[in-house]
Amino acid sequence: QVQLVETGGGLVQPGGSLRLSCAASGSLFSTRGAFQAVDWYRKAPGKQREFVARRYEYAPSVGDRFTISRDNGKSTVYLQMNTLKVEDTARYYCHIAWNGVNYWGQGTEVTVAS
């Protein structure tokens, strides 16, 4: 069983920062490599869900503004988002694909507006 719970979303002005957290739990994460496979996606209003970040890879649209990190002791994956833009407004999801199955969290809403 897998549970992914995102927190940390909110309203922020353009140029601001937010840090999202994803608490990962369940028997899957006792498997070697599973925790490192957790990544982030987002879905903006009227758009398809898109990849944001995973270990060693970022979407071109976020470039070096976003950083993914992990705290193994807390079983938590973070997404540090800096220099936020209006176009970063979306619902952000924690995700893992494992053995052909996709697991998603419920998401956390990020709104970038002045």
C-alpha atoms as a PDB file:
ATOM      1  CA  GLN A   1       0.000   0.000   0.000  1.00  0.00           C
ATOM      2  CA  VAL A   2       1.152   3.516  -0.790  1.00  0.00           C
ATOM      3  CA  GLN A   3       0.185   6.822   0.703  1.00  0.00           C
ATOM      4  CA  LEU A   4       1.490  10.164  -0.536  1.00  0.00           C
ATOM      5  CA  VAL A   5       0.385  13.317   1.281  1.00  0.00           C
ATOM      6  CA  GLU A   6       1.336  16.739  -0.028  1.00  0.00           C
ATOM      7  CA  THR A   7       1.366  19.905   2.048  1.00  0.00           C
ATOM      8  CA  GLY A   8       2.784  23.398   1.780  1.00  0.00           C
ATOM      9  CA  GLY A   9       0.772  24.981  -0.989  1.00  0.00           C
ATOM     10  CA  GLY A  10      -0.715  28.437  -0.784  1.00  0.00           C
ATOM     11  CA  LEU A  11      -0.879  31.905  -2.264  1.00  0.00           C
ATOM     12  CA  VAL A  12       2.391  33.653  -3.036  1.00  0.00           C
ATOM     13  CA  GLN A  13       3.365  36.750  -4.972  1.00  0.00           C
ATOM     14  CA  PRO A  14       5.411  36.538  -8.177  1.00  0.00           C
ATOM     15  CA  GLY A  15       9.085  36.246  -7.293  1.00  0.00           C
ATOM     16  CA  GLY A  16       8.299  34.543  -4.006  1.00  0.00           C
ATOM     17  CA  SER A  17       9.128  31.073  -2.724  1.00  0.00           C
ATOM     18  CA  LEU A  18       7.313  28.036  -1.365  1.00  0.00           C
ATOM     19  CA  ARG A  19       8.415  24.636  -0.172  1.00  0.00           C
ATOM     20  CA  LEU A  20       6.126  21.711  -0.782  1.00  0.00           C
ATOM     21  CA  SER A  21       6.377  18.510   1.227  1.00  0.00           C
ATOM     22  CA  CYS A  22       5.333  14.987   0.330  1.00  0.00           C
ATOM     23  CA  ALA A  23       5.096  12.489   3.159  1.00  0.00           C
ATOM     24  CA  ALA A  24       5.505   8.993   1.754  1.00  0.00           C
ATOM     25  CA  SER A  25       4.333   5.918   3.642  1.00  0.00           C
ATOM     26  CA  GLY A  26       3.420   2.313   2.980  1.00  0.00           C
ATOM     27  CA  SER A  27       5.109  -1.013   2.503  1.00  0.00           C
ATOM     28  CA  LEU A  28       6.397  -0.073  -0.956  1.00  0.00           C
ATOM     29  CA  PHE A  29       8.888   2.338   0.566  1.00  0.00           C
ATOM     30  CA  SER A  30      10.719  -0.445   2.344  1.00  0.00           C
ATOM     31  CA  THR A  31      11.830  -1.487  -1.147  1.00  0.00           C
ATOM     32  CA  ARG A  32      15.273  -0.265  -2.090  1.00  0.00           C
ATOM     33  CA  GLY A  33      15.060   2.668  -4.490  1.00  0.00           C
ATOM     34  CA  ALA A  34      11.366   3.337  -4.078  1.00  0.00           C
ATOM     35  CA  PHE A  35      11.730   6.489  -1.988  1.00  0.00           C
ATOM     36  CA  GLN A  36      14.224   7.917  -4.471  1.00  0.00           C
ATOM     37  CA  ALA A  37      11.725   7.327  -7.281  1.00  0.00           C
ATOM     38  CA  VAL A  38       9.136   9.761  -5.892  1.00  0.00           C
ATOM     39  CA  ASP A  39       8.680  12.729  -8.186  1.00  0.00           C
ATOM     40  CA  TRP A  40       6.503  15.819  -8.670  1.00  0.00           C
ATOM     41  CA  TYR A  41       3.906  16.713 -11.280  1.00  0.00           C
ATOM     42  CA  ARG A  42       1.501  19.619 -11.603  1.00  0.00           C
ATOM     43  CA  LYS A  43      -1.785  20.411 -13.300  1.00  0.00           C
ATOM     44  CA  ALA A  44      -2.721  23.965 -14.173  1.00  0.00           C
ATOM     45  CA  PRO A  45      -6.323  24.982 -14.895  1.00  0.00           C
ATOM     46  CA  GLY A  46      -7.246  24.032 -18.459  1.00  0.00           C
ATOM     47  CA  LYS A  47      -3.991  22.202 -19.052  1.00  0.00           C
ATOM     48  CA  GLN A  48      -2.800  18.623 -18.896  1.00  0.00           C
ATOM     49  CA  ARG A  49      -0.836  17.341 -15.950  1.00  0.00           C
ATOM     50  CA  GLU A  50       2.874  17.768 -16.565  1.00  0.00           C
ATOM     51  CA  PHE A  51       6.129  16.528 -15.113  1.00  0.00           C
ATOM     52  CA  VAL A  52       7.964  18.967 -12.818  1.00  0.00           C
ATOM     53  CA  ALA A  53      10.890  17.280 -11.116  1.00  0.00           C
ATOM     54  CA  ARG A  54      12.526  14.003 -10.236  1.00  0.00           C
ATOM     55  CA  ARG A  55      15.965  12.985  -9.089  1.00  0.00           C
ATOM     56  CA  TYR A  56      18.494  14.627 -11.447  1.00  0.00           C
ATOM     57  CA  GLU A  57      15.824  15.908 -13.852  1.00  0.00           C
ATOM     58  CA  TYR A  58      13.688  19.011 -14.043  1.00  0.00           C
ATOM     59  CA  ALA A  59      11.164  20.301 -16.543  1.00  0.00           C
ATOM     60  CA  PRO A  60      12.629  23.079 -18.723  1.00  0.00           C
ATOM     61  CA  SER A  61       9.862  25.404 -17.535  1.00  0.00           C
ATOM     62  CA  VAL A  62      11.146  25.283 -13.952  1.00  0.00           C
ATOM     63  CA  GLY A  63      14.857  25.059 -14.753  1.00  0.00           C
ATOM     64  CA  ASP A  64      17.024  25.878 -11.769  1.00  0.00           C
ATOM     65  CA  ARG A  65      14.222  27.686  -9.917  1.00  0.00           C
ATOM     66  CA  PHE A  66      12.962  24.442  -8.357  1.00  0.00           C
ATOM     67  CA  THR A  67      14.923  21.901  -6.344  1.00  0.00           C
ATOM     68  CA  ILE A  68      13.820  18.416  -5.272  1.00  0.00           C
ATOM     69  CA  SER A  69      15.283  16.976  -2.102  1.00  0.00           C
ATOM     70  CA  ARG A  70      14.606  14.122   0.332  1.00  0.00           C
ATOM     71  CA  ASP A  71      14.800  13.470   4.040  1.00  0.00           C
ATOM     72  CA  ASN A  72      15.097   9.721   4.428  1.00  0.00           C
ATOM     73  CA  GLY A  73      14.606   9.879   8.172  1.00  0.00           C
ATOM     74  CA  LYS A  74      11.286  11.655   7.785  1.00  0.00           C
ATOM     75  CA  SER A  75      10.279   9.747   4.629  1.00  0.00           C
ATOM     76  CA  THR A  76       9.526  13.119   3.057  1.00  0.00           C
ATOM     77  CA  VAL A  77      10.267  14.527  -0.377  1.00  0.00           C
ATOM     78  CA  TYR A  78      10.460  18.290  -0.774  1.00  0.00           C
ATOM     79  CA  LEU A  79      10.048  20.642  -3.691  1.00  0.00           C
ATOM     80  CA  GLN A  80      11.661  24.013  -3.068  1.00  0.00           C
ATOM     81  CA  MET A  81      10.224  26.534  -5.494  1.00  0.00           C
ATOM     82  CA  ASN A  82      11.948  29.893  -5.895  1.00  0.00           C
ATOM     83  CA  THR A  83      11.352  32.890  -8.136  1.00  0.00           C
ATOM     84  CA  LEU A  84       7.787  31.759  -8.678  1.00  0.00           C
ATOM     85  CA  LYS A  85       5.918  32.957 -11.736  1.00  0.00           C
ATOM     86  CA  VAL A  86       2.220  33.348 -12.426  1.00  0.00           C
ATOM     87  CA  GLU A  87       2.497  30.421 -14.828  1.00  0.00           C
ATOM     88  CA  ASP A  88       3.591  28.162 -11.949  1.00  0.00           C
ATOM     89  CA  THR A  89       0.019  28.336 -10.626  1.00  0.00           C
ATOM     90  CA  ALA A  90      -1.225  24.739 -10.490  1.00  0.00           C
ATOM     91  CA  ARG A  91      -2.111  21.836  -8.266  1.00  0.00           C
ATOM     92  CA  TYR A  92       1.093  19.994  -7.418  1.00  0.00           C
ATOM     93  CA  TYR A  93       1.121  16.235  -7.028  1.00  0.00           C
ATOM     94  CA  CYS A  94       3.517  13.789  -5.515  1.00  0.00           C
ATOM     95  CA  HIS A  95       3.854  10.617  -7.583  1.00  0.00           C
ATOM     96  CA  ILE A  96       5.615   7.302  -7.903  1.00  0.00           C
ATOM     97  CA  ALA A  97       5.499   4.783 -10.717  1.00  0.00           C
ATOM     98  CA  TRP A  98       6.480   1.315  -9.542  1.00  0.00           C
ATOM     99  CA  ASN A  99       6.089  -2.028 -11.304  1.00  0.00           C
ATOM    100  CA  GLY A 100       3.762  -0.487 -13.852  1.00  0.00           C
ATOM    101  CA  VAL A 101       1.448   1.129 -11.292  1.00  0.00           C
ATOM    102  CA  ASN A 102       1.111   4.879 -10.786  1.00  0.00           C
ATOM    103  CA  TYR A 103       0.427   6.204  -7.312  1.00  0.00           C
ATOM    104  CA  TRP A 104      -0.658   9.807  -6.709  1.00  0.00           C
ATOM    105  CA  GLY A 105      -1.214  12.021  -3.753  1.00  0.00           C
ATOM    106  CA  GLN A 106      -4.256  14.276  -3.470  1.00  0.00           C
ATOM    107  CA  GLY A 107      -2.230  17.338  -4.438  1.00  0.00           C
ATOM    108  CA  THR A 108      -1.643  20.762  -2.942  1.00  0.00           C
ATOM    109  CA  GLU A 109      -2.722  24.014  -4.546  1.00  0.00           C
ATOM    110  CA  VAL A 110      -0.183  26.701  -5.447  1.00  0.00           C
ATOM    111  CA  THR A 111      -1.389  30.106  -6.603  1.00  0.00           C
ATOM    112  CA  VAL A 112       1.056  32.750  -7.768  1.00  0.00           C
ATOM    113  CA  ALA A 113      -0.618  36.144  -8.011  1.00  0.00           C
ATOM    114  CA  SER A 114       0.021  39.747  -7.042  1.00  0.00           C
END
